[in-house]
Protein backbone atom coordinates (compact mmCIF):
# COMPACT_ATOMS: atom_id res chain seq x y z
CA MET A 1 9.56 -2.00 31.81
CA SER A 2 13.21 -0.96 31.79
CA GLN A 3 14.75 0.81 28.82
CA SER A 4 16.86 -2.21 27.86
CA VAL A 5 13.79 -4.47 27.87
CA ALA A 6 11.87 -1.82 25.91
CA TRP A 7 14.55 -1.84 23.18
CA LEU A 8 14.31 -5.63 22.95
CA VAL A 9 10.52 -5.47 22.73
CA LEU A 10 10.87 -2.77 20.07
CA ILE A 11 13.08 -5.09 18.02
CA LEU A 12 10.49 -7.84 18.38
CA SER A 13 7.78 -5.42 17.26
CA GLY A 14 9.88 -4.51 14.22
CA LEU A 15 10.34 -8.17 13.33
CA LEU A 16 6.60 -8.72 13.65
CA ASP A 17 6.15 -5.80 11.26
CA VAL A 18 8.31 -7.64 8.73
CA ALA A 19 6.29 -10.82 9.23
CA TRP A 20 3.11 -8.77 8.77
CA ALA A 21 4.32 -7.39 5.44
CA VAL A 22 5.16 -10.90 4.25
CA SER A 23 1.78 -12.22 5.37
CA MET A 24 0.07 -9.43 3.42
CA LYS A 25 1.98 -10.48 0.31
CA PHE A 26 0.87 -14.09 0.80
CA ALA A 27 -2.72 -12.94 1.50
CA GLN A 28 -2.85 -11.85 -2.17
CA GLY A 29 -5.05 -8.81 -1.72
CA TYR A 30 -6.84 -10.39 1.24
CA THR A 31 -8.23 -13.18 -0.93
CA ARG A 32 -6.66 -15.98 1.13
CA PRO A 33 -8.44 -16.23 4.50
CA GLY A 34 -5.66 -17.94 6.48
CA TRP A 35 -2.99 -15.45 5.46
CA THR A 36 -5.45 -12.59 5.94
CA ALA A 37 -6.17 -13.71 9.50
CA LEU A 38 -2.46 -14.07 10.25
CA SER A 39 -1.88 -10.61 8.82
CA LEU A 40 -4.45 -9.09 11.17
CA VAL A 41 -3.02 -10.92 14.20
CA LEU A 42 0.51 -9.74 13.38
CA LEU A 43 -0.74 -6.20 12.85
CA GLY A 44 -2.41 -6.17 16.25
CA ALA A 45 0.65 -7.69 17.93
CA PHE A 46 3.21 -5.24 16.57
CA VAL A 47 1.00 -2.21 17.22
CA PHE A 48 0.38 -3.39 20.80
CA LEU A 49 4.09 -3.91 21.46
CA LEU A 50 5.02 -0.60 19.85
CA GLY A 51 2.49 1.16 22.05
CA LYS A 52 3.97 -0.44 25.16
CA VAL A 53 7.55 0.59 24.38
CA LEU A 54 6.51 4.15 23.59
CA THR A 55 5.60 4.55 27.27
CA VAL A 56 9.32 4.13 28.05
CA LEU A 57 11.35 5.18 25.00
CA PRO A 58 11.49 8.53 23.20
CA VAL A 59 8.93 8.42 20.39
CA GLY A 60 11.23 9.83 17.69
CA SER A 61 14.06 7.38 18.27
CA ALA A 62 11.82 4.38 18.90
CA TYR A 63 9.67 4.98 15.84
CA ALA A 64 12.72 5.51 13.64
CA VAL A 65 14.29 2.25 14.82
CA TRP A 66 11.00 0.37 14.44
CA THR A 67 10.43 1.74 10.95
CA GLY A 68 14.01 0.94 9.97
CA ILE A 69 13.70 -2.66 11.13
CA GLY A 70 10.51 -2.99 9.13
CA ALA A 71 11.93 -1.35 6.01
CA LEU A 72 15.27 -3.16 6.00
CA GLY A 73 13.78 -6.48 7.04
CA THR A 74 11.14 -6.29 4.35
CA VAL A 75 13.72 -5.46 1.68
CA LEU A 76 15.83 -8.46 2.73
CA ILE A 77 12.83 -10.80 2.85
CA GLY A 78 11.72 -9.51 -0.54
CA VAL A 79 15.11 -10.43 -1.98
CA MET A 80 15.26 -13.83 -0.27
CA LEU A 81 11.65 -15.02 -0.69
CA PHE A 82 10.32 -13.17 -3.69
CA GLY A 83 13.38 -12.74 -5.89
CA GLU A 84 13.34 -8.95 -5.76
CA SER A 85 16.46 -7.22 -7.02
CA LEU A 86 19.17 -5.86 -4.78
CA SER A 87 20.69 -3.12 -6.91
CA ALA A 88 23.39 -0.71 -5.83
CA LEU A 89 20.77 2.00 -5.46
CA ARG A 90 18.66 -0.15 -3.12
CA VAL A 91 21.74 -1.06 -1.05
CA GLY A 92 22.68 2.62 -0.87
CA GLY A 93 19.18 3.53 0.22
CA ALA A 94 19.27 0.84 2.91
CA ALA A 95 22.62 2.17 4.12
CA LEU A 96 21.11 5.65 4.42
CA VAL A 97 18.24 4.22 6.48
CA VAL A 98 20.72 2.54 8.82
CA ALA A 99 22.77 5.74 9.11
CA GLY A 100 19.64 7.69 9.99
CA ILE A 101 18.60 5.17 12.62
CA VAL A 102 22.04 5.23 14.23
CA ALA A 103 22.04 9.03 14.28
CA LEU A 104 18.58 9.20 15.86
CA LYS A 105 19.43 6.52 18.42
CA GLN A 106 22.62 8.36 19.45
CA ALA A 107 21.04 11.80 19.65
CA PRO A 108 19.80 12.93 23.06
CA PRO A 109 15.99 12.75 23.41
């Protein structure tokens, strides 16, 4: 796998992480079997993909990007689907996450 493909797969893994978090919310403490099953499938899928890209990409940068996608994506989905607030403090925190990801991505491995 080339580095450019690995970055694309990493993004997909991060998006699956967001979907996993949403499925856990809908699973309501693992009391809803369909959502619970989906949650476990998504968990397995994003961990598998993350493991594959870590054979190509630097672990520090890749994990930071993956975590950032999951964190930012989950915040946005929380606002859009679940009516969570988007205060100035939360926006500022999200901006700091993005700044950290950019810095780690730009730094030499």
